[in-house]
mmCIF file of all heavy atoms, coordinates in Angstrom:
data_MODEL
# 
_entry.id   MODEL 
# 
loop_
_atom_site.group_PDB 
_atom_site.id 
_atom_site.type_symbol 
_atom_site.label_atom_id 
_atom_site.label_alt_id 
_atom_site.label_comp_id 
_atom_site.label_asym_id 
_atom_site.label_entity_id 
_atom_site.label_seq_id 
_atom_site.pdbx_PDB_ins_code 
_atom_site.Cartn_x 
_atom_site.Cartn_y 
_atom_site.Cartn_z 
_atom_site.occupancy 
_atom_site.B_iso_or_equiv 
_atom_site.pdbx_formal_charge 
_atom_site.auth_seq_id 
_atom_site.auth_comp_id 
_atom_site.auth_asym_id 
_atom_site.auth_atom_id 
_atom_site.pdbx_PDB_model_num 
ATOM 1   N N   . GLN A 1 1  ? 40.776 105.745 -167.952 1.00 0.00 ? 1  GLN A N   1 
ATOM 2   C CA  . GLN A 1 1  ? 40.683 106.254 -166.618 1.00 0.00 ? 1  GLN A CA  1 
ATOM 3   C C   . GLN A 1 1  ? 41.645 107.399 -166.403 1.00 0.00 ? 1  GLN A C   1 
ATOM 4   O O   . GLN A 1 1  ? 41.307 108.360 -165.844 1.00 0.00 ? 1  GLN A O   1 
ATOM 5   C CB  . GLN A 1 1  ? 40.895 105.165 -165.616 1.00 0.00 ? 1  GLN A CB  1 
ATOM 6   C CG  . GLN A 1 1  ? 39.723 104.065 -165.534 1.00 0.00 ? 1  GLN A CG  1 
ATOM 7   C CD  . GLN A 1 1  ? 40.032 102.984 -164.651 1.00 0.00 ? 1  GLN A CD  1 
ATOM 8   O OE1 . GLN A 1 1  ? 41.150 102.541 -164.627 1.00 0.00 ? 1  GLN A OE1 1 
ATOM 9   N NE2 . GLN A 1 1  ? 39.031 102.531 -163.961 1.00 0.00 ? 1  GLN A NE2 1 
ATOM 10  N N   . VAL A 1 2  ? 42.872 107.149 -166.827 1.00 0.00 ? 2  VAL A N   1 
ATOM 11  C CA  . VAL A 1 2  ? 43.886 108.268 -166.847 1.00 0.00 ? 2  VAL A CA  1 
ATOM 12  C C   . VAL A 1 2  ? 43.414 109.580 -167.417 1.00 0.00 ? 2  VAL A C   1 
ATOM 13  O O   . VAL A 1 2  ? 43.623 110.593 -166.934 1.00 0.00 ? 2  VAL A O   1 
ATOM 14  C CB  . VAL A 1 2  ? 45.219 107.835 -167.344 1.00 0.00 ? 2  VAL A CB  1 
ATOM 15  C CG1 . VAL A 1 2  ? 46.231 108.959 -167.340 1.00 0.00 ? 2  VAL A CG1 1 
ATOM 16  C CG2 . VAL A 1 2  ? 45.879 106.664 -166.496 1.00 0.00 ? 2  VAL A CG2 1 
ATOM 17  N N   . ALA A 1 3  ? 42.982 109.366 -168.625 1.00 0.00 ? 3  ALA A N   1 
ATOM 18  C CA  . ALA A 1 3  ? 42.447 110.507 -169.410 1.00 0.00 ? 3  ALA A CA  1 
ATOM 19  C C   . ALA A 1 3  ? 41.350 111.233 -168.684 1.00 0.00 ? 3  ALA A C   1 
ATOM 20  O O   . ALA A 1 3  ? 41.370 112.543 -168.664 1.00 0.00 ? 3  ALA A O   1 
ATOM 21  C CB  . ALA A 1 3  ? 42.062 110.141 -170.740 1.00 0.00 ? 3  ALA A CB  1 
ATOM 22  N N   . ALA A 1 4  ? 40.465 110.383 -168.024 1.00 0.00 ? 4  ALA A N   1 
ATOM 23  C CA  . ALA A 1 4  ? 39.301 111.100 -167.300 1.00 0.00 ? 4  ALA A CA  1 
ATOM 24  C C   . ALA A 1 4  ? 39.756 111.950 -166.115 1.00 0.00 ? 4  ALA A C   1 
ATOM 25  O O   . ALA A 1 4  ? 39.177 112.913 -165.781 1.00 0.00 ? 4  ALA A O   1 
ATOM 26  C CB  . ALA A 1 4  ? 38.478 110.005 -166.816 1.00 0.00 ? 4  ALA A CB  1 
ATOM 27  N N   . THR A 1 5  ? 40.797 111.613 -165.495 1.00 0.00 ? 5  THR A N   1 
ATOM 28  C CA  . THR A 1 5  ? 41.425 112.341 -164.338 1.00 0.00 ? 5  THR A CA  1 
ATOM 29  C C   . THR A 1 5  ? 42.008 113.703 -164.675 1.00 0.00 ? 5  THR A C   1 
ATOM 30  O O   . THR A 1 5  ? 41.991 114.548 -163.861 1.00 0.00 ? 5  THR A O   1 
ATOM 31  C CB  . THR A 1 5  ? 42.498 111.608 -163.660 1.00 0.00 ? 5  THR A CB  1 
ATOM 32  O OG1 . THR A 1 5  ? 43.637 111.484 -164.439 1.00 0.00 ? 5  THR A OG1 1 
ATOM 33  C CG2 . THR A 1 5  ? 42.009 110.169 -163.246 1.00 0.00 ? 5  THR A CG2 1 
ATOM 34  N N   . LYS A 1 6  ? 42.306 113.857 -165.951 1.00 0.00 ? 6  LYS A N   1 
ATOM 35  C CA  . LYS A 1 6  ? 43.071 115.024 -166.554 1.00 0.00 ? 6  LYS A CA  1 
ATOM 36  C C   . LYS A 1 6  ? 44.360 115.398 -165.682 1.00 0.00 ? 6  LYS A C   1 
ATOM 37  O O   . LYS A 1 6  ? 44.742 116.610 -165.624 1.00 0.00 ? 6  LYS A O   1 
ATOM 38  C CB  . LYS A 1 6  ? 42.102 116.217 -166.441 1.00 0.00 ? 6  LYS A CB  1 
ATOM 39  C CG  . LYS A 1 6  ? 40.916 116.087 -167.318 1.00 0.00 ? 6  LYS A CG  1 
ATOM 40  C CD  . LYS A 1 6  ? 39.838 117.248 -167.282 1.00 0.00 ? 6  LYS A CD  1 
ATOM 41  C CE  . LYS A 1 6  ? 38.699 117.083 -168.191 1.00 0.00 ? 6  LYS A CE  1 
ATOM 42  N NZ  . LYS A 1 6  ? 37.772 118.223 -168.236 1.00 0.00 ? 6  LYS A NZ  1 
ATOM 43  N N   . ARG A 1 7  ? 44.952 114.364 -165.161 1.00 0.00 ? 7  ARG A N   1 
ATOM 44  C CA  . ARG A 1 7  ? 46.211 114.475 -164.539 1.00 0.00 ? 7  ARG A CA  1 
ATOM 45  C C   . ARG A 1 7  ? 47.339 113.961 -165.478 1.00 0.00 ? 7  ARG A C   1 
ATOM 46  O O   . ARG A 1 7  ? 47.060 113.312 -166.457 1.00 0.00 ? 7  ARG A O   1 
ATOM 47  C CB  . ARG A 1 7  ? 46.200 113.798 -163.142 1.00 0.00 ? 7  ARG A CB  1 
ATOM 48  C CG  . ARG A 1 7  ? 45.273 114.396 -162.119 1.00 0.00 ? 7  ARG A CG  1 
ATOM 49  C CD  . ARG A 1 7  ? 45.622 115.713 -161.770 1.00 0.00 ? 7  ARG A CD  1 
ATOM 50  N NE  . ARG A 1 7  ? 44.827 116.259 -160.563 1.00 0.00 ? 7  ARG A NE  1 
ATOM 51  C CZ  . ARG A 1 7  ? 44.785 117.535 -160.284 1.00 0.00 ? 7  ARG A CZ  1 
ATOM 52  N NH1 . ARG A 1 7  ? 45.465 118.455 -160.899 1.00 0.00 ? 7  ARG A NH1 1 
ATOM 53  N NH2 . ARG A 1 7  ? 44.062 117.846 -159.233 1.00 0.00 ? 7  ARG A NH2 1 
ATOM 54  N N   . THR A 1 8  ? 48.543 114.146 -165.018 1.00 0.00 ? 8  THR A N   1 
ATOM 55  C CA  . THR A 1 8  ? 49.681 113.691 -165.809 1.00 0.00 ? 8  THR A CA  1 
ATOM 56  C C   . THR A 1 8  ? 49.832 112.195 -165.481 1.00 0.00 ? 8  THR A C   1 
ATOM 57  O O   . THR A 1 8  ? 49.833 111.632 -164.416 1.00 0.00 ? 8  THR A O   1 
ATOM 58  C CB  . THR A 1 8  ? 50.995 114.380 -165.383 1.00 0.00 ? 8  THR A CB  1 
ATOM 59  O OG1 . THR A 1 8  ? 50.765 115.844 -165.473 1.00 0.00 ? 8  THR A OG1 1 
ATOM 60  C CG2 . THR A 1 8  ? 52.169 113.962 -166.212 1.00 0.00 ? 8  THR A CG2 1 
ATOM 61  N N   . PRO A 1 9  ? 50.010 111.425 -166.698 1.00 0.00 ? 9  PRO A N   1 
ATOM 62  C CA  . PRO A 1 9  ? 50.210 109.962 -166.480 1.00 0.00 ? 9  PRO A CA  1 
ATOM 63  C C   . PRO A 1 9  ? 51.524 109.644 -165.882 1.00 0.00 ? 9  PRO A C   1 
ATOM 64  O O   . PRO A 1 9  ? 52.468 110.442 -166.021 1.00 0.00 ? 9  PRO A O   1 
ATOM 65  C CB  . PRO A 1 9  ? 50.199 109.386 -167.953 1.00 0.00 ? 9  PRO A CB  1 
ATOM 66  C CG  . PRO A 1 9  ? 49.548 110.500 -168.757 1.00 0.00 ? 9  PRO A CG  1 
ATOM 67  C CD  . PRO A 1 9  ? 49.878 111.756 -168.070 1.00 0.00 ? 9  PRO A CD  1 
ATOM 68  N N   . MET A 1 10 ? 51.595 108.599 -165.002 1.00 0.00 ? 10 MET A N   1 
ATOM 69  C CA  . MET A 1 10 ? 52.832 108.266 -164.260 1.00 0.00 ? 10 MET A CA  1 
ATOM 70  C C   . MET A 1 10 ? 52.908 106.751 -164.192 1.00 0.00 ? 10 MET A C   1 
ATOM 71  O O   . MET A 1 10 ? 51.912 106.068 -163.916 1.00 0.00 ? 10 MET A O   1 
ATOM 72  C CB  . MET A 1 10 ? 52.792 108.804 -162.959 1.00 0.00 ? 10 MET A CB  1 
ATOM 73  C CG  . MET A 1 10 ? 54.095 108.493 -162.068 1.00 0.00 ? 10 MET A CG  1 
ATOM 74  S SD  . MET A 1 10 ? 55.590 109.167 -162.738 1.00 0.00 ? 10 MET A SD  1 
ATOM 75  C CE  . MET A 1 10 ? 55.463 110.864 -162.078 1.00 0.00 ? 10 MET A CE  1 
ATOM 76  N N   . LEU A 1 11 ? 54.087 106.208 -164.427 1.00 0.00 ? 11 LEU A N   1 
ATOM 77  C CA  . LEU A 1 11 ? 54.364 104.768 -164.253 1.00 0.00 ? 11 LEU A CA  1 
ATOM 78  C C   . LEU A 1 11 ? 55.246 104.557 -163.005 1.00 0.00 ? 11 LEU A C   1 
ATOM 79  O O   . LEU A 1 11 ? 56.302 105.191 -162.874 1.00 0.00 ? 11 LEU A O   1 
ATOM 80  C CB  . LEU A 1 11 ? 55.015 104.155 -165.481 1.00 0.00 ? 11 LEU A CB  1 
ATOM 81  C CG  . LEU A 1 11 ? 54.182 103.706 -166.625 1.00 0.00 ? 11 LEU A CG  1 
ATOM 82  C CD1 . LEU A 1 11 ? 55.116 103.108 -167.792 1.00 0.00 ? 11 LEU A CD1 1 
ATOM 83  C CD2 . LEU A 1 11 ? 53.088 102.669 -166.304 1.00 0.00 ? 11 LEU A CD2 1 
ATOM 84  N N   . ILE A 1 12 ? 54.713 103.708 -162.165 1.00 0.00 ? 12 ILE A N   1 
ATOM 85  C CA  . ILE A 1 12 ? 55.579 103.337 -161.064 1.00 0.00 ? 12 ILE A CA  1 
ATOM 86  C C   . ILE A 1 12 ? 56.272 102.075 -161.410 1.00 0.00 ? 12 ILE A C   1 
ATOM 87  O O   . ILE A 1 12 ? 55.655 101.053 -161.701 1.00 0.00 ? 12 ILE A O   1 
ATOM 88  C CB  . ILE A 1 12 ? 54.791 103.066 -159.718 1.00 0.00 ? 12 ILE A CB  1 
ATOM 89  C CG1 . ILE A 1 12 ? 53.949 104.346 -159.286 1.00 0.00 ? 12 ILE A CG1 1 
ATOM 90  C CG2 . ILE A 1 12 ? 55.618 102.639 -158.612 1.00 0.00 ? 12 ILE A CG2 1 
ATOM 91  C CD1 . ILE A 1 12 ? 52.985 104.152 -158.142 1.00 0.00 ? 12 ILE A CD1 1 
ATOM 92  N N   . PRO A 1 13 ? 57.609 102.063 -161.568 1.00 0.00 ? 13 PRO A N   1 
ATOM 93  C CA  . PRO A 1 13 ? 58.279 100.896 -162.160 1.00 0.00 ? 13 PRO A CA  1 
ATOM 94  C C   . PRO A 1 13 ? 58.194 99.644  -161.394 1.00 0.00 ? 13 PRO A C   1 
ATOM 95  O O   . PRO A 1 13 ? 58.095 99.678  -160.067 1.00 0.00 ? 13 PRO A O   1 
ATOM 96  C CB  . PRO A 1 13 ? 59.770 101.384 -162.293 1.00 0.00 ? 13 PRO A CB  1 
ATOM 97  C CG  . PRO A 1 13 ? 59.750 102.878 -162.112 1.00 0.00 ? 13 PRO A CG  1 
ATOM 98  C CD  . PRO A 1 13 ? 58.492 103.250 -161.310 1.00 0.00 ? 13 PRO A CD  1 
ATOM 99  N N   . ALA A 1 14 ? 58.096 98.508  -162.106 1.00 0.00 ? 14 ALA A N   1 
ATOM 100 C CA  . ALA A 1 14 ? 58.128 97.268  -161.406 1.00 0.00 ? 14 ALA A CA  1 
ATOM 101 C C   . ALA A 1 14 ? 59.260 97.104  -160.357 1.00 0.00 ? 14 ALA A C   1 
ATOM 102 O O   . ALA A 1 14 ? 60.319 97.597  -160.695 1.00 0.00 ? 14 ALA A O   1 
ATOM 103 C CB  . ALA A 1 14 ? 58.151 96.126  -162.433 1.00 0.00 ? 14 ALA A CB  1 
ATOM 104 N N   . GLY A 1 15 ? 59.046 96.566  -159.196 1.00 0.00 ? 15 GLY A N   1 
ATOM 105 C CA  . GLY A 1 15 ? 60.150 96.402  -158.220 1.00 0.00 ? 15 GLY A CA  1 
ATOM 106 C C   . GLY A 1 15 ? 60.281 97.635  -157.319 1.00 0.00 ? 15 GLY A C   1 
ATOM 107 O O   . GLY A 1 15 ? 61.119 97.563  -156.478 1.00 0.00 ? 15 GLY A O   1 
ATOM 108 N N   . THR A 1 16 ? 59.459 98.661  -157.584 1.00 0.00 ? 16 THR A N   1 
ATOM 109 C CA  . THR A 1 16 ? 59.495 99.794  -156.597 1.00 0.00 ? 16 THR A CA  1 
ATOM 110 C C   . THR A 1 16 ? 59.151 99.378  -155.180 1.00 0.00 ? 16 THR A C   1 
ATOM 111 O O   . THR A 1 16 ? 59.756 99.887  -154.214 1.00 0.00 ? 16 THR A O   1 
ATOM 112 C CB  . THR A 1 16 ? 58.634 100.954 -157.153 1.00 0.00 ? 16 THR A CB  1 
ATOM 113 O OG1 . THR A 1 16 ? 58.996 101.331 -158.426 1.00 0.00 ? 16 THR A OG1 1 
ATOM 114 C CG2 . THR A 1 16 ? 58.723 102.048 -156.230 1.00 0.00 ? 16 THR A CG2 1 
ATOM 115 N N   . TYR A 1 17 ? 58.123 98.561  -155.090 1.00 0.00 ? 17 TYR A N   1 
ATOM 116 C CA  . TYR A 1 17 ? 57.666 97.999  -153.794 1.00 0.00 ? 17 TYR A CA  1 
ATOM 117 C C   . TYR A 1 17 ? 57.801 96.533  -153.791 1.00 0.00 ? 17 TYR A C   1 
ATOM 118 O O   . TYR A 1 17 ? 57.749 95.751  -154.848 1.00 0.00 ? 17 TYR A O   1 
ATOM 119 C CB  . TYR A 1 17 ? 56.217 98.487  -153.560 1.00 0.00 ? 17 TYR A CB  1 
ATOM 120 C CG  . TYR A 1 17 ? 56.081 99.902  -153.570 1.00 0.00 ? 17 TYR A CG  1 
ATOM 121 C CD1 . TYR A 1 17 ? 55.355 100.541 -154.606 1.00 0.00 ? 17 TYR A CD1 1 
ATOM 122 C CD2 . TYR A 1 17 ? 56.509 100.670 -152.488 1.00 0.00 ? 17 TYR A CD2 1 
ATOM 123 C CE1 . TYR A 1 17 ? 55.311 101.979 -154.608 1.00 0.00 ? 17 TYR A CE1 1 
ATOM 124 C CE2 . TYR A 1 17 ? 56.376 102.046 -152.508 1.00 0.00 ? 17 TYR A CE2 1 
ATOM 125 C CZ  . TYR A 1 17 ? 55.816 102.725 -153.541 1.00 0.00 ? 17 TYR A CZ  1 
ATOM 126 O OH  . TYR A 1 17 ? 55.611 104.071 -153.604 1.00 0.00 ? 17 TYR A OH  1 
ATOM 127 N N   . SER A 1 18 ? 57.955 95.972  -152.621 1.00 0.00 ? 18 SER A N   1 
ATOM 128 C CA  . SER A 1 18 ? 58.050 94.506  -152.368 1.00 0.00 ? 18 SER A CA  1 
ATOM 129 C C   . SER A 1 18 ? 56.829 93.799  -152.902 1.00 0.00 ? 18 SER A C   1 
ATOM 130 O O   . SER A 1 18 ? 55.654 94.284  -152.694 1.00 0.00 ? 18 SER A O   1 
ATOM 131 C CB  . SER A 1 18 ? 58.085 94.177  -150.828 1.00 0.00 ? 18 SER A CB  1 
ATOM 132 O OG  . SER A 1 18 ? 58.137 92.816  -150.643 1.00 0.00 ? 18 SER A OG  1 
ATOM 133 N N   . GLY A 1 19 ? 57.076 92.807  -153.859 1.00 0.00 ? 19 GLY A N   1 
ATOM 134 C CA  . GLY A 1 19 ? 55.994 92.044  -154.375 1.00 0.00 ? 19 GLY A CA  1 
ATOM 135 C C   . GLY A 1 19 ? 55.332 92.668  -155.606 1.00 0.00 ? 19 GLY A C   1 
ATOM 136 O O   . GLY A 1 19 ? 54.452 92.139  -156.218 1.00 0.00 ? 19 GLY A O   1 
ATOM 137 N N   . GLN A 1 20 ? 55.905 93.863  -156.013 1.00 0.00 ? 20 GLN A N   1 
ATOM 138 C CA  . GLN A 1 20 ? 55.321 94.485  -157.273 1.00 0.00 ? 20 GLN A CA  1 
ATOM 139 C C   . GLN A 1 20 ? 56.028 94.068  -158.461 1.00 0.00 ? 20 GLN A C   1 
ATOM 140 O O   . GLN A 1 20 ? 57.218 94.494  -158.732 1.00 0.00 ? 20 GLN A O   1 
ATOM 141 C CB  . GLN A 1 20 ? 55.401 96.119  -157.037 1.00 0.00 ? 20 GLN A CB  1 
ATOM 142 C CG  . GLN A 1 20 ? 54.902 96.802  -158.249 1.00 0.00 ? 20 GLN A CG  1 
ATOM 143 C CD  . GLN A 1 20 ? 55.388 98.269  -158.351 1.00 0.00 ? 20 GLN A CD  1 
ATOM 144 O OE1 . GLN A 1 20 ? 55.989 98.812  -157.456 1.00 0.00 ? 20 GLN A OE1 1 
ATOM 145 N NE2 . GLN A 1 20 ? 55.315 98.899  -159.572 1.00 0.00 ? 20 GLN A NE2 1 
ATOM 146 N N   . ASP A 1 21 ? 55.503 93.125  -159.186 1.00 0.00 ? 21 ASP A N   1 
ATOM 147 C CA  . ASP A 1 21 ? 56.150 92.516  -160.348 1.00 0.00 ? 21 ASP A CA  1 
ATOM 148 C C   . ASP A 1 21 ? 55.940 93.236  -161.622 1.00 0.00 ? 21 ASP A C   1 
ATOM 149 O O   . ASP A 1 21 ? 56.657 92.958  -162.578 1.00 0.00 ? 21 ASP A O   1 
ATOM 150 C CB  . ASP A 1 21 ? 55.755 91.004  -160.462 1.00 0.00 ? 21 ASP A CB  1 
ATOM 151 C CG  . ASP A 1 21 ? 56.063 90.239  -159.330 1.00 0.00 ? 21 ASP A CG  1 
ATOM 152 O OD1 . ASP A 1 21 ? 57.132 90.444  -158.537 1.00 0.00 ? 21 ASP A OD1 1 
ATOM 153 O OD2 . ASP A 1 21 ? 55.200 89.396  -158.906 1.00 0.00 ? 21 ASP A OD2 1 
ATOM 154 N N   . GLU A 1 22 ? 55.084 94.145  -161.701 1.00 0.00 ? 22 GLU A N   1 
ATOM 155 C CA  . GLU A 1 22 ? 54.690 94.891  -162.971 1.00 0.00 ? 22 GLU A CA  1 
ATOM 156 C C   . GLU A 1 22 ? 54.619 96.373  -162.813 1.00 0.00 ? 22 GLU A C   1 
ATOM 157 O O   . GLU A 1 22 ? 54.454 96.794  -161.575 1.00 0.00 ? 22 GLU A O   1 
ATOM 158 C CB  . GLU A 1 22 ? 53.385 94.405  -163.490 1.00 0.00 ? 22 GLU A CB  1 
ATOM 159 C CG  . GLU A 1 22 ? 53.286 92.918  -163.813 1.00 0.00 ? 22 GLU A CG  1 
ATOM 160 C CD  . GLU A 1 22 ? 51.962 92.516  -164.389 1.00 0.00 ? 22 GLU A CD  1 
ATOM 161 O OE1 . GLU A 1 22 ? 50.971 93.286  -164.248 1.00 0.00 ? 22 GLU A OE1 1 
ATOM 162 O OE2 . GLU A 1 22 ? 51.887 91.356  -164.838 1.00 0.00 ? 22 GLU A OE2 1 
ATOM 163 N N   . ASP A 1 23 ? 54.895 97.103  -163.835 1.00 0.00 ? 23 ASP A N   1 
ATOM 164 C CA  . ASP A 1 23 ? 54.696 98.527  -163.773 1.00 0.00 ? 23 ASP A CA  1 
ATOM 165 C C   . ASP A 1 23 ? 53.171 98.881  -163.364 1.00 0.00 ? 23 ASP A C   1 
ATOM 166 O O   . ASP A 1 23 ? 52.268 98.181  -163.693 1.00 0.00 ? 23 ASP A O   1 
ATOM 167 C CB  . ASP A 1 23 ? 55.050 99.240  -165.106 1.00 0.00 ? 23 ASP A CB  1 
ATOM 168 C CG  . ASP A 1 23 ? 56.396 99.144  -165.497 1.00 0.00 ? 23 ASP A CG  1 
ATOM 169 O OD1 . ASP A 1 23 ? 57.288 98.733  -164.635 1.00 0.00 ? 23 ASP A OD1 1 
ATOM 170 O OD2 . ASP A 1 23 ? 56.732 99.418  -166.708 1.00 0.00 ? 23 ASP A OD2 1 
ATOM 171 N N   . VAL A 1 24 ? 53.044 99.884  -162.532 1.00 0.00 ? 24 VAL A N   1 
ATOM 172 C CA  . VAL A 1 24 ? 51.684 100.310 -162.197 1.00 0.00 ? 24 VAL A CA  1 
ATOM 173 C C   . VAL A 1 24 ? 51.381 101.732 -162.900 1.00 0.00 ? 24 VAL A C   1 
ATOM 174 O O   . VAL A 1 24 ? 52.191 102.695 -162.728 1.00 0.00 ? 24 VAL A O   1 
ATOM 175 C CB  . VAL A 1 24 ? 51.622 100.489 -160.720 1.00 0.00 ? 24 VAL A CB  1 
ATOM 176 C CG1 . VAL A 1 24 ? 50.274 101.124 -160.229 1.00 0.00 ? 24 VAL A CG1 1 
ATOM 177 C CG2 . VAL A 1 24 ? 51.704 99.036  -160.073 1.00 0.00 ? 24 VAL A CG2 1 
ATOM 178 N N   . ALA A 1 25 ? 50.351 101.685 -163.647 1.00 0.00 ? 25 ALA A N   1 
ATOM 179 C CA  . ALA A 1 25 ? 49.910 103.006 -164.310 1.00 0.00 ? 25 ALA A CA  1 
ATOM 180 C C   . ALA A 1 25 ? 49.043 103.814 -163.427 1.00 0.00 ? 25 ALA A C   1 
ATOM 181 O O   . ALA A 1 25 ? 48.111 103.284 -162.870 1.00 0.00 ? 25 ALA A O   1 
ATOM 182 C CB  . ALA A 1 25 ? 49.212 102.655 -165.623 1.00 0.00 ? 25 ALA A CB  1 
ATOM 183 N N   . THR A 1 26 ? 49.434 104.973 -163.182 1.00 0.00 ? 26 THR A N   1 
ATOM 184 C CA  . THR A 1 26 ? 48.629 105.827 -162.228 1.00 0.00 ? 26 THR A CA  1 
ATOM 185 C C   . THR A 1 26 ? 48.779 107.403 -162.767 1.00 0.00 ? 26 THR A C   1 
ATOM 186 O O   . THR A 1 26 ? 49.039 107.599 -163.946 1.00 0.00 ? 26 THR A O   1 
ATOM 187 C CB  . THR A 1 26 ? 49.149 105.726 -160.790 1.00 0.00 ? 26 THR A CB  1 
ATOM 188 O OG1 . THR A 1 26 ? 48.224 106.455 -159.936 1.00 0.00 ? 26 THR A OG1 1 
ATOM 189 C CG2 . THR A 1 26 ? 50.584 106.092 -160.627 1.00 0.00 ? 26 THR A CG2 1 
ATOM 190 N N   . THR A 1 27 ? 48.523 108.238 -161.871 1.00 0.00 ? 27 THR A N   1 
ATOM 191 C CA  . THR A 1 27 ? 48.606 109.682 -162.189 1.00 0.00 ? 27 THR A CA  1 
ATOM 192 C C   . THR A 1 27 ? 49.424 110.542 -161.262 1.00 0.00 ? 27 THR A C   1 
ATOM 193 O O   . THR A 1 27 ? 49.699 109.990 -160.099 1.00 0.00 ? 27 THR A O   1 
ATOM 194 C CB  . THR A 1 27 ? 47.194 110.243 -162.237 1.00 0.00 ? 27 THR A CB  1 
ATOM 195 O OG1 . THR A 1 27 ? 46.535 110.224 -160.976 1.00 0.00 ? 27 THR A OG1 1 
ATOM 196 C CG2 . THR A 1 27 ? 46.264 109.543 -163.210 1.00 0.00 ? 27 THR A CG2 1 
ATOM 197 N N   . SER A 1 28 ? 49.621 111.657 -161.634 1.00 0.00 ? 28 SER A N   1 
ATOM 198 C CA  . SER A 1 28 ? 50.573 112.463 -160.724 1.00 0.00 ? 28 SER A CA  1 
ATOM 199 C C   . SER A 1 28 ? 50.240 113.944 -160.879 1.00 0.00 ? 28 SER A C   1 
ATOM 200 O O   . SER A 1 28 ? 49.596 114.429 -161.883 1.00 0.00 ? 28 SER A O   1 
ATOM 201 C CB  . SER A 1 28 ? 52.058 112.242 -161.138 1.00 0.00 ? 28 SER A CB  1 
ATOM 202 O OG  . SER A 1 28 ? 52.341 112.667 -162.466 1.00 0.00 ? 28 SER A OG  1 
ATOM 203 N N   . LEU A 1 29 ? 50.795 114.644 -159.974 1.00 0.00 ? 29 LEU A N   1 
ATOM 204 C CA  . LEU A 1 29 ? 50.570 116.129 -159.950 1.00 0.00 ? 29 LEU A CA  1 
ATOM 205 C C   . LEU A 1 29 ? 52.018 116.700 -159.726 1.00 0.00 ? 29 LEU A C   1 
ATOM 206 O O   . LEU A 1 29 ? 52.712 116.409 -158.799 1.00 0.00 ? 29 LEU A O   1 
ATOM 207 C CB  . LEU A 1 29 ? 49.691 116.607 -158.824 1.00 0.00 ? 29 LEU A CB  1 
ATOM 208 C CG  . LEU A 1 29 ? 49.548 118.132 -158.739 1.00 0.00 ? 29 LEU A CG  1 
ATOM 209 C CD1 . LEU A 1 29 ? 48.706 118.685 -159.883 1.00 0.00 ? 29 LEU A CD1 1 
ATOM 210 C CD2 . LEU A 1 29 ? 48.757 118.497 -157.382 1.00 0.00 ? 29 LEU A CD2 1 
# 
């Protein structure tokens, strides 16, 4: 899915938000 967006991969580290126990893989500009 990340490759399909043609955007830069980005990881939001675990613990960034309340209740977020794992890294979140997303995209960025």
